[in-house]
Amino acid sequence: MGNSDRVHEGPLEIAVVGDLTENQSDLCDKLLSVEPGGECTLYFDSLGGSPYCGIALVSLIVLRGLRATGIVAGECSSAALWPFAACQRRLVTPLSVLLFHNMKWQSEENVALLEAAEWARHFGQLEKDMDVLLAQLFGTTPEKIVAWTRAGRYVSGPELAAAGLAELIELKPLALTKRRRKP
C-alpha cells in the first residue's frame, strides 16, 4: 500500500513549516480537509510570512471550530504566531522559540506618495487589531503581547509556558526495545 493509500487514524497531522505565504494554499487545503468541529495537530517550525496568511489560517481554525493542538517543534515566529495561538491546546519544548515583532511592510513596486501613506495608515491599524486578536487567542492581556512585540522579543518555550500561554513538554528519547534474535 503506497503513502497515498494509507488510512489515517486519529487527528490529522499538519506540518506548518517554512514561509506561510509560500505554503498558504496547501495549509488551507489541509485545514479544510478536517471536518468542522474536528481535531487536528499542527506542528510548527515557521519563520512566519504575510500577516494576511496568518489571519486566513486563524479564520479557518476558529470559524470551523477546529479542535487544534499546536506544537512548536522548532520556531514559531511572526505571522505563524496567530494560527498557533488559535489552537485550543498549545505545547512547547525547552528549545522552542517564538519571535514577536512589529509588522514589516515592503513593496518592490513604484508607489505614489498617497498610496504609501494609505498603506502606512492601514498597516498601523492592522498591527493594533492583530495585537488585540493575538492577546485574545492566547488568553492574555494586549499589554503582554505589545511588550513582547515592540521589543522584537524572542520568547523561549519555557518562558511562554511560565506566562501560562502554553504547556511545556520535555523532549525525552523513547526507550528502545531490543529485539531478540532467534537461534
N, C-alpha and C. Protein backbone atom coordinates (compact mmCIF):
# COMPACT_ATOMS: atom_id res chain seq x y z
N MET A 1 0.85 -1.17 0.00
CA MET A 1 0.00 0.00 0.00
C MET A 1 0.90 1.24 0.00
N GLY A 2 0.71 2.18 -0.94
CA GLY A 2 1.52 3.38 -1.02
C GLY A 2 1.10 4.41 0.02
N ASN A 3 1.90 5.47 0.18
CA ASN A 3 1.59 6.51 1.15
C ASN A 3 0.22 7.12 0.91
N SER A 4 -0.15 7.33 -0.37
CA SER A 4 -1.43 7.96 -0.67
C SER A 4 -2.60 7.03 -0.38
N ASP A 5 -2.34 5.73 -0.23
CA ASP A 5 -3.41 4.76 0.04
C ASP A 5 -3.59 4.51 1.54
N ARG A 6 -2.74 5.10 2.36
CA ARG A 6 -2.83 4.85 3.80
C ARG A 6 -4.12 5.43 4.37
N VAL A 7 -4.70 4.70 5.29
CA VAL A 7 -5.86 5.20 6.01
C VAL A 7 -5.33 5.88 7.27
N HIS A 8 -5.71 7.13 7.44
CA HIS A 8 -5.20 7.90 8.57
C HIS A 8 -6.06 7.64 9.81
N GLU A 9 -5.42 7.30 10.90
CA GLU A 9 -6.12 7.10 12.17
C GLU A 9 -5.78 8.25 13.09
N GLY A 10 -6.74 8.70 13.86
CA GLY A 10 -6.53 9.79 14.79
C GLY A 10 -6.60 11.14 14.09
N PRO A 11 -6.32 12.20 14.84
CA PRO A 11 -6.40 13.55 14.27
C PRO A 11 -5.41 13.73 13.12
N LEU A 12 -5.80 14.50 12.12
CA LEU A 12 -4.91 14.82 11.00
C LEU A 12 -3.72 15.61 11.54
N GLU A 13 -2.53 15.26 11.09
CA GLU A 13 -1.31 15.97 11.50
C GLU A 13 -0.85 16.83 10.34
N ILE A 14 -0.61 18.12 10.62
CA ILE A 14 -0.26 19.10 9.60
C ILE A 14 1.04 19.78 9.98
N ALA A 15 2.01 19.75 9.08
CA ALA A 15 3.29 20.44 9.30
C ALA A 15 3.17 21.88 8.80
N VAL A 16 3.38 22.82 9.69
CA VAL A 16 3.37 24.24 9.34
C VAL A 16 4.84 24.66 9.36
N VAL A 17 5.49 24.53 8.20
CA VAL A 17 6.93 24.76 8.13
C VAL A 17 7.25 25.79 7.05
N GLY A 18 8.38 26.47 7.26
CA GLY A 18 8.83 27.44 6.28
C GLY A 18 7.97 28.69 6.25
N ASP A 19 7.97 29.34 5.10
CA ASP A 19 7.23 30.59 4.90
C ASP A 19 5.75 30.27 4.71
N LEU A 20 4.90 30.83 5.57
CA LEU A 20 3.46 30.58 5.48
C LEU A 20 2.91 30.98 4.13
N THR A 21 3.37 32.11 3.61
CA THR A 21 2.84 32.64 2.36
C THR A 21 3.08 31.67 1.21
N GLU A 22 4.27 31.09 1.16
CA GLU A 22 4.60 30.14 0.10
C GLU A 22 3.80 28.85 0.22
N ASN A 23 3.35 28.52 1.42
CA ASN A 23 2.63 27.27 1.67
C ASN A 23 1.15 27.47 1.96
N GLN A 24 0.63 28.69 1.76
CA GLN A 24 -0.73 29.01 2.16
C GLN A 24 -1.78 28.11 1.52
N SER A 25 -1.70 27.87 0.23
CA SER A 25 -2.70 27.05 -0.45
C SER A 25 -2.75 25.64 0.14
N ASP A 26 -1.59 25.04 0.34
CA ASP A 26 -1.52 23.69 0.91
C ASP A 26 -2.04 23.66 2.34
N LEU A 27 -1.65 24.65 3.15
CA LEU A 27 -2.11 24.70 4.54
C LEU A 27 -3.63 24.88 4.62
N CYS A 28 -4.17 25.76 3.78
CA CYS A 28 -5.62 25.96 3.78
C CYS A 28 -6.34 24.69 3.35
N ASP A 29 -5.84 24.02 2.31
CA ASP A 29 -6.45 22.76 1.87
C ASP A 29 -6.45 21.73 2.98
N LYS A 30 -5.33 21.62 3.69
CA LYS A 30 -5.25 20.63 4.77
C LYS A 30 -6.21 20.97 5.91
N LEU A 31 -6.31 22.25 6.27
CA LEU A 31 -7.25 22.63 7.33
C LEU A 31 -8.69 22.40 6.88
N LEU A 32 -8.97 22.65 5.60
CA LEU A 32 -10.32 22.42 5.09
C LEU A 32 -10.66 20.94 5.00
N SER A 33 -9.65 20.07 5.00
CA SER A 33 -9.91 18.64 4.96
C SER A 33 -10.31 18.09 6.33
N VAL A 34 -10.14 18.89 7.38
CA VAL A 34 -10.59 18.49 8.72
C VAL A 34 -12.06 18.88 8.82
N GLU A 35 -12.90 17.93 9.18
CA GLU A 35 -14.33 18.23 9.26
C GLU A 35 -14.59 19.33 10.29
N PRO A 36 -15.60 20.18 10.06
CA PRO A 36 -15.92 21.22 11.04
C PRO A 36 -16.10 20.60 12.44
N GLY A 37 -15.46 21.20 13.42
CA GLY A 37 -15.51 20.68 14.78
C GLY A 37 -14.54 19.54 15.03
N GLY A 38 -13.80 19.14 13.99
CA GLY A 38 -12.88 18.01 14.10
C GLY A 38 -11.56 18.38 14.76
N GLU A 39 -10.76 17.34 14.99
CA GLU A 39 -9.45 17.52 15.63
C GLU A 39 -8.33 17.47 14.61
N CYS A 40 -7.26 18.21 14.91
CA CYS A 40 -6.04 18.13 14.13
C CYS A 40 -4.87 18.57 15.02
N THR A 41 -3.67 18.21 14.60
CA THR A 41 -2.45 18.61 15.30
C THR A 41 -1.58 19.36 14.30
N LEU A 42 -1.15 20.55 14.69
CA LEU A 42 -0.30 21.39 13.86
C LEU A 42 1.09 21.41 14.47
N TYR A 43 2.10 21.03 13.68
CA TYR A 43 3.49 21.06 14.13
C TYR A 43 4.15 22.28 13.49
N PHE A 44 4.63 23.21 14.31
CA PHE A 44 5.18 24.47 13.83
C PHE A 44 6.70 24.48 13.80
N ASP A 45 7.24 24.89 12.67
CA ASP A 45 8.63 25.28 12.52
C ASP A 45 8.63 26.30 11.38
N SER A 46 8.14 27.50 11.69
CA SER A 46 7.89 28.50 10.66
C SER A 46 8.39 29.87 11.10
N LEU A 47 9.03 30.56 10.16
CA LEU A 47 9.51 31.91 10.40
C LEU A 47 8.41 32.93 10.19
N GLY A 48 7.23 32.50 9.75
CA GLY A 48 6.10 33.40 9.55
C GLY A 48 5.82 33.63 8.08
N GLY A 49 5.41 34.85 7.76
CA GLY A 49 5.04 35.20 6.40
C GLY A 49 4.09 36.37 6.43
N SER A 50 3.22 36.42 5.46
CA SER A 50 2.26 37.51 5.34
C SER A 50 1.29 37.51 6.52
N PRO A 51 1.02 38.70 7.09
CA PRO A 51 0.02 38.75 8.17
C PRO A 51 -1.36 38.31 7.67
N TYR A 52 -1.66 38.56 6.40
CA TYR A 52 -2.94 38.14 5.85
C TYR A 52 -3.06 36.62 5.81
N CYS A 53 -1.97 35.93 5.55
CA CYS A 53 -1.96 34.47 5.58
C CYS A 53 -2.23 33.99 7.00
N GLY A 54 -1.57 34.62 7.99
CA GLY A 54 -1.82 34.27 9.39
C GLY A 54 -3.28 34.44 9.76
N ILE A 55 -3.89 35.55 9.30
CA ILE A 55 -5.31 35.81 9.57
C ILE A 55 -6.18 34.74 8.91
N ALA A 56 -5.86 34.38 7.68
CA ALA A 56 -6.65 33.37 6.97
C ALA A 56 -6.62 32.03 7.70
N LEU A 57 -5.45 31.62 8.17
CA LEU A 57 -5.34 30.35 8.89
C LEU A 57 -6.11 30.39 10.20
N VAL A 58 -6.01 31.51 10.93
CA VAL A 58 -6.78 31.67 12.17
C VAL A 58 -8.27 31.57 11.86
N SER A 59 -8.70 32.24 10.80
CA SER A 59 -10.12 32.24 10.42
C SER A 59 -10.61 30.82 10.17
N LEU A 60 -9.83 30.02 9.44
CA LEU A 60 -10.24 28.64 9.18
C LEU A 60 -10.34 27.83 10.46
N ILE A 61 -9.37 27.99 11.35
CA ILE A 61 -9.37 27.24 12.61
C ILE A 61 -10.56 27.65 13.48
N VAL A 62 -10.75 28.95 13.66
CA VAL A 62 -11.78 29.45 14.57
C VAL A 62 -13.19 29.29 13.98
N LEU A 63 -13.39 29.73 12.75
CA LEU A 63 -14.73 29.72 12.17
C LEU A 63 -15.24 28.30 11.92
N ARG A 64 -14.34 27.34 11.72
CA ARG A 64 -14.75 25.96 11.52
C ARG A 64 -14.78 25.18 12.83
N GLY A 65 -14.44 25.86 13.95
CA GLY A 65 -14.50 25.22 15.26
C GLY A 65 -13.55 24.05 15.40
N LEU A 66 -12.39 24.14 14.75
CA LEU A 66 -11.44 23.03 14.82
C LEU A 66 -10.85 22.92 16.22
N ARG A 67 -10.73 21.70 16.69
CA ARG A 67 -10.09 21.43 17.98
C ARG A 67 -8.64 21.09 17.68
N ALA A 68 -7.85 22.16 17.54
CA ALA A 68 -6.46 22.01 17.11
C ALA A 68 -5.51 22.01 18.30
N THR A 69 -4.51 21.16 18.20
CA THR A 69 -3.39 21.16 19.13
C THR A 69 -2.20 21.69 18.35
N GLY A 70 -1.53 22.70 18.87
CA GLY A 70 -0.35 23.27 18.23
C GLY A 70 0.89 22.88 19.01
N ILE A 71 1.91 22.43 18.30
CA ILE A 71 3.17 22.03 18.92
C ILE A 71 4.29 22.78 18.21
N VAL A 72 5.05 23.57 18.98
CA VAL A 72 6.20 24.27 18.40
C VAL A 72 7.38 23.31 18.46
N ALA A 73 7.67 22.71 17.31
CA ALA A 73 8.75 21.74 17.22
C ALA A 73 10.10 22.44 17.07
N GLY A 74 10.09 23.66 16.61
CA GLY A 74 11.30 24.45 16.41
C GLY A 74 10.99 25.91 16.66
N GLU A 75 10.73 26.62 15.55
CA GLU A 75 10.44 28.06 15.61
C GLU A 75 8.98 28.31 15.25
N CYS A 76 8.40 29.31 15.90
CA CYS A 76 7.06 29.78 15.56
C CYS A 76 7.12 31.30 15.68
N SER A 77 7.32 31.96 14.57
CA SER A 77 7.58 33.39 14.60
C SER A 77 6.62 34.17 13.72
N SER A 78 6.52 35.45 14.04
CA SER A 78 5.83 36.41 13.21
C SER A 78 4.39 35.96 12.94
N ALA A 79 3.98 35.87 11.68
CA ALA A 79 2.60 35.52 11.34
C ALA A 79 2.22 34.10 11.75
N ALA A 80 3.19 33.23 11.99
CA ALA A 80 2.89 31.86 12.44
C ALA A 80 2.34 31.85 13.87
N LEU A 81 2.57 32.94 14.61
CA LEU A 81 2.07 33.02 15.98
C LEU A 81 0.54 32.96 16.03
N TRP A 82 -0.13 33.55 15.03
CA TRP A 82 -1.59 33.61 15.07
C TRP A 82 -2.23 32.23 14.97
N PRO A 83 -1.91 31.39 13.97
CA PRO A 83 -2.53 30.06 13.98
C PRO A 83 -2.12 29.22 15.20
N PHE A 84 -0.91 29.41 15.72
CA PHE A 84 -0.52 28.70 16.94
C PHE A 84 -1.40 29.14 18.10
N ALA A 85 -1.61 30.44 18.22
CA ALA A 85 -2.44 30.97 19.31
C ALA A 85 -3.90 30.51 19.18
N ALA A 86 -4.36 30.25 17.95
CA ALA A 86 -5.74 29.82 17.73
C ALA A 86 -5.97 28.37 18.14
N CYS A 87 -4.91 27.64 18.41
CA CYS A 87 -5.04 26.24 18.83
C CYS A 87 -5.60 26.18 20.25
N GLN A 88 -6.49 25.23 20.49
CA GLN A 88 -7.07 25.07 21.83
C GLN A 88 -6.04 24.61 22.83
N ARG A 89 -5.11 23.78 22.37
CA ARG A 89 -4.03 23.29 23.23
C ARG A 89 -2.72 23.66 22.55
N ARG A 90 -1.82 24.27 23.32
CA ARG A 90 -0.53 24.73 22.78
C ARG A 90 0.60 24.10 23.58
N LEU A 91 1.52 23.43 22.87
CA LEU A 91 2.64 22.76 23.51
C LEU A 91 3.95 23.33 22.98
N VAL A 92 4.91 23.50 23.87
CA VAL A 92 6.25 23.97 23.52
C VAL A 92 7.27 23.07 24.21
N THR A 93 8.48 23.06 23.67
CA THR A 93 9.57 22.31 24.27
C THR A 93 10.55 23.30 24.90
N PRO A 94 11.51 22.81 25.67
CA PRO A 94 12.51 23.72 26.24
C PRO A 94 13.31 24.48 25.18
N LEU A 95 13.36 23.95 23.96
CA LEU A 95 14.13 24.59 22.88
C LEU A 95 13.27 25.34 21.88
N SER A 96 11.97 25.37 22.07
CA SER A 96 11.08 26.13 21.18
C SER A 96 11.40 27.61 21.29
N VAL A 97 11.25 28.32 20.17
CA VAL A 97 11.46 29.77 20.18
C VAL A 97 10.34 30.43 19.39
N LEU A 98 9.86 31.55 19.91
CA LEU A 98 8.78 32.30 19.28
C LEU A 98 9.21 33.77 19.19
N LEU A 99 9.18 34.33 17.99
CA LEU A 99 9.56 35.73 17.79
C LEU A 99 8.33 36.59 17.63
N PHE A 100 8.17 37.53 18.54
CA PHE A 100 7.11 38.53 18.47
C PHE A 100 7.76 39.81 17.95
N HIS A 101 7.23 40.39 16.88
CA HIS A 101 7.79 41.65 16.36
C HIS A 101 6.73 42.47 15.65
N ASN A 102 7.03 43.75 15.45
CA ASN A 102 6.14 44.61 14.69
C ASN A 102 6.08 44.13 13.26
N MET A 103 4.96 44.41 12.60
CA MET A 103 4.82 44.06 11.19
C MET A 103 5.80 44.85 10.35
N LYS A 104 6.25 44.20 9.30
CA LYS A 104 7.15 44.87 8.36
C LYS A 104 6.46 44.91 7.01
N TRP A 105 6.51 46.06 6.37
CA TRP A 105 5.90 46.20 5.07
C TRP A 105 6.96 46.59 4.07
N GLN A 106 6.92 45.95 2.92
CA GLN A 106 7.83 46.34 1.87
C GLN A 106 7.11 46.19 0.55
N SER A 107 7.50 47.00 -0.41
CA SER A 107 6.92 46.93 -1.73
C SER A 107 8.04 47.06 -2.74
N GLU A 108 8.00 46.21 -3.73
CA GLU A 108 9.01 46.29 -4.78
C GLU A 108 8.45 47.03 -5.99
N GLU A 109 7.27 47.62 -5.81
CA GLU A 109 6.64 48.37 -6.88
C GLU A 109 6.86 49.86 -6.64
N ASN A 110 6.75 50.62 -7.72
CA ASN A 110 6.77 52.07 -7.58
C ASN A 110 5.41 52.49 -7.06
N VAL A 111 5.40 53.14 -5.91
CA VAL A 111 4.16 53.51 -5.26
C VAL A 111 4.11 55.02 -5.09
N ALA A 112 2.95 55.58 -5.42
CA ALA A 112 2.77 57.02 -5.24
C ALA A 112 2.73 57.34 -3.75
N LEU A 113 3.06 58.56 -3.41
CA LEU A 113 3.11 59.00 -2.02
C LEU A 113 1.79 58.78 -1.30
N LEU A 114 0.66 59.10 -1.94
CA LEU A 114 -0.64 58.92 -1.28
C LEU A 114 -0.92 57.44 -1.00
N GLU A 115 -0.56 56.57 -1.95
CA GLU A 115 -0.76 55.15 -1.72
C GLU A 115 0.13 54.64 -0.59
N ALA A 116 1.37 55.10 -0.55
CA ALA A 116 2.29 54.70 0.53
C ALA A 116 1.74 55.18 1.88
N ALA A 117 1.20 56.40 1.91
CA ALA A 117 0.62 56.92 3.16
C ALA A 117 -0.57 56.07 3.59
N GLU A 118 -1.40 55.65 2.63
CA GLU A 118 -2.55 54.80 2.95
C GLU A 118 -2.10 53.44 3.46
N TRP A 119 -1.06 52.86 2.83
CA TRP A 119 -0.52 51.60 3.32
C TRP A 119 -0.02 51.74 4.75
N ALA A 120 0.67 52.82 5.04
CA ALA A 120 1.19 53.04 6.39
C ALA A 120 0.04 53.15 7.39
N ARG A 121 -1.02 53.88 7.03
CA ARG A 121 -2.18 54.00 7.91
C ARG A 121 -2.82 52.63 8.13
N HIS A 122 -3.03 51.91 7.02
CA HIS A 122 -3.66 50.59 7.08
C HIS A 122 -2.85 49.64 7.95
N PHE A 123 -1.53 49.57 7.72
CA PHE A 123 -0.70 48.65 8.50
C PHE A 123 -0.64 49.04 9.97
N GLY A 124 -0.67 50.33 10.26
CA GLY A 124 -0.70 50.77 11.66
C GLY A 124 -1.94 50.25 12.37
N GLN A 125 -3.10 50.38 11.71
CA GLN A 125 -4.35 49.91 12.31
C GLN A 125 -4.38 48.38 12.37
N LEU A 126 -3.93 47.73 11.28
CA LEU A 126 -3.89 46.27 11.25
C LEU A 126 -3.01 45.72 12.38
N GLU A 127 -1.88 46.35 12.61
CA GLU A 127 -0.98 45.91 13.68
C GLU A 127 -1.65 45.99 15.04
N LYS A 128 -2.36 47.09 15.30
CA LYS A 128 -3.07 47.22 16.58
C LYS A 128 -4.15 46.16 16.72
N ASP A 129 -4.95 45.98 15.65
CA ASP A 129 -6.02 44.98 15.70
C ASP A 129 -5.47 43.57 15.88
N MET A 130 -4.36 43.27 15.23
CA MET A 130 -3.79 41.93 15.33
C MET A 130 -3.16 41.69 16.70
N ASP A 131 -2.60 42.73 17.33
CA ASP A 131 -2.09 42.57 18.70
C ASP A 131 -3.24 42.21 19.64
N VAL A 132 -4.39 42.87 19.48
CA VAL A 132 -5.56 42.57 20.32
C VAL A 132 -6.04 41.15 20.05
N LEU A 133 -6.14 40.77 18.77
CA LEU A 133 -6.57 39.41 18.43
C LEU A 133 -5.61 38.37 19.00
N LEU A 134 -4.32 38.60 18.86
CA LEU A 134 -3.33 37.65 19.37
C LEU A 134 -3.48 37.48 20.89
N ALA A 135 -3.68 38.59 21.59
CA ALA A 135 -3.88 38.52 23.04
C ALA A 135 -5.14 37.73 23.38
N GLN A 136 -6.23 37.96 22.63
CA GLN A 136 -7.47 37.22 22.87
C GLN A 136 -7.28 35.73 22.63
N LEU A 137 -6.60 35.39 21.53
CA LEU A 137 -6.39 33.97 21.22
C LEU A 137 -5.54 33.29 22.28
N PHE A 138 -4.49 33.99 22.75
CA PHE A 138 -3.63 33.42 23.79
C PHE A 138 -4.28 33.48 25.17
N GLY A 139 -5.32 34.30 25.33
CA GLY A 139 -5.97 34.43 26.64
C GLY A 139 -5.14 35.26 27.60
N THR A 140 -4.51 36.31 27.09
CA THR A 140 -3.69 37.18 27.92
C THR A 140 -4.05 38.63 27.61
N THR A 141 -3.34 39.54 28.23
CA THR A 141 -3.62 40.96 28.03
C THR A 141 -2.89 41.48 26.78
N PRO A 142 -3.50 42.46 26.11
CA PRO A 142 -2.81 43.08 24.98
C PRO A 142 -1.46 43.69 25.40
N GLU A 143 -1.38 44.15 26.63
CA GLU A 143 -0.14 44.77 27.11
C GLU A 143 1.02 43.78 27.09
N LYS A 144 0.75 42.51 27.43
CA LYS A 144 1.79 41.48 27.42
C LYS A 144 2.29 41.27 25.99
N ILE A 145 1.37 41.17 25.05
CA ILE A 145 1.73 40.95 23.64
C ILE A 145 2.47 42.17 23.10
N VAL A 146 1.98 43.36 23.39
CA VAL A 146 2.61 44.59 22.91
C VAL A 146 4.02 44.73 23.48
N ALA A 147 4.21 44.38 24.74
CA ALA A 147 5.55 44.47 25.36
C ALA A 147 6.54 43.56 24.62
N TRP A 148 6.12 42.35 24.29
CA TRP A 148 6.99 41.43 23.55
C TRP A 148 7.20 41.91 22.11
N THR A 149 6.11 42.37 21.48
CA THR A 149 6.16 42.77 20.07
C THR A 149 7.02 44.00 19.87
N ARG A 150 6.82 45.02 20.65
CA ARG A 150 7.56 46.27 20.47
C ARG A 150 9.06 46.06 20.70
N ALA A 151 9.39 45.10 21.53
CA ALA A 151 10.81 44.82 21.82
C ALA A 151 11.42 43.90 20.77
N GLY A 152 10.59 43.35 19.85
CA GLY A 152 11.11 42.36 18.90
C GLY A 152 11.66 41.17 19.64
N ARG A 153 10.88 40.64 20.55
CA ARG A 153 11.31 39.70 21.56
C ARG A 153 11.25 38.24 21.13
N TYR A 154 12.37 37.54 21.31
CA TYR A 154 12.39 36.08 21.18
C TYR A 154 11.96 35.52 22.53
N VAL A 155 10.87 34.77 22.54
CA VAL A 155 10.34 34.18 23.76
C VAL A 155 10.60 32.68 23.69
N SER A 156 11.21 32.14 24.74
CA SER A 156 11.51 30.70 24.76
C SER A 156 10.27 29.90 25.14
N GLY A 157 10.29 28.62 24.83
CA GLY A 157 9.20 27.74 25.22
C GLY A 157 8.93 27.79 26.72
N PRO A 158 9.97 27.65 27.55
CA PRO A 158 9.72 27.72 29.00
C PRO A 158 9.13 29.06 29.44
N GLU A 159 9.56 30.15 28.81
CA GLU A 159 9.02 31.46 29.17
C GLU A 159 7.54 31.58 28.78
N LEU A 160 7.18 31.07 27.61
CA LEU A 160 5.78 31.11 27.18
C LEU A 160 4.93 30.26 28.12
N ALA A 161 5.44 29.10 28.53
CA ALA A 161 4.72 28.24 29.47
C ALA A 161 4.59 28.91 30.83
N ALA A 162 5.66 29.57 31.30
CA ALA A 162 5.61 30.26 32.59
C ALA A 162 4.58 31.39 32.57
N ALA A 163 4.35 31.98 31.39
CA ALA A 163 3.34 33.04 31.26
C ALA A 163 1.93 32.46 31.18
N GLY A 164 1.82 31.12 31.19
CA GLY A 164 0.53 30.45 31.17
C GLY A 164 -0.10 30.38 29.78
N LEU A 165 0.70 30.57 28.72
CA LEU A 165 0.16 30.60 27.36
C LEU A 165 0.35 29.29 26.59
N ALA A 166 1.07 28.34 27.20
CA ALA A 166 1.31 27.04 26.56
C ALA A 166 1.73 26.06 27.65
N GLU A 167 1.75 24.79 27.27
CA GLU A 167 2.24 23.74 28.16
C GLU A 167 3.65 23.37 27.73
N LEU A 168 4.52 23.18 28.70
CA LEU A 168 5.90 22.78 28.42
C LEU A 168 5.99 21.26 28.43
N ILE A 169 6.53 20.69 27.35
CA ILE A 169 6.75 19.24 27.29
C ILE A 169 8.24 19.00 27.15
N GLU A 170 8.72 17.98 27.82
CA GLU A 170 10.13 17.64 27.76
C GLU A 170 10.40 16.75 26.55
N LEU A 171 11.58 16.89 26.00
CA LEU A 171 12.00 16.02 24.90
C LEU A 171 12.83 14.89 25.49
N LYS A 172 12.22 13.73 25.63
CA LYS A 172 12.91 12.57 26.17
C LYS A 172 12.90 11.48 25.12
N PRO A 173 14.06 10.87 24.86
CA PRO A 173 14.09 9.79 23.88
C PRO A 173 13.21 8.63 24.32
N LEU A 174 12.57 8.03 23.34
CA LEU A 174 11.75 6.85 23.63
C LEU A 174 12.66 5.68 23.97
N ALA A 175 12.24 4.84 24.88
CA ALA A 175 13.02 3.65 25.23
C ALA A 175 12.98 2.69 24.05
N LEU A 176 14.14 2.28 23.62
CA LEU A 176 14.21 1.33 22.52
C LEU A 176 14.22 -0.08 23.08
N THR A 177 13.40 -0.90 22.52
CA THR A 177 13.38 -2.30 22.97
C THR A 177 14.29 -3.10 22.06
N LYS A 178 15.08 -3.94 22.68
CA LYS A 178 16.00 -4.78 21.91
C LYS A 178 15.23 -5.97 21.36
N ARG A 179 15.48 -6.22 20.13
CA ARG A 179 14.85 -7.39 19.50
C ARG A 179 15.75 -8.60 19.74
N ARG A 180 15.12 -9.66 20.11
CA ARG A 180 15.87 -10.89 20.33
C ARG A 180 15.99 -11.65 19.04
N ARG A 181 17.17 -12.11 18.78
CA ARG A 181 17.39 -12.95 17.60
C ARG A 181 17.06 -14.38 17.95
N LYS A 182 16.37 -14.99 17.01
CA LYS A 182 16.07 -16.42 17.21
C LYS A 182 17.26 -17.23 16.73
N PRO A 183 17.67 -18.22 17.52
CA PRO A 183 18.83 -19.03 17.12
C PRO A 183 18.56 -19.88 15.90
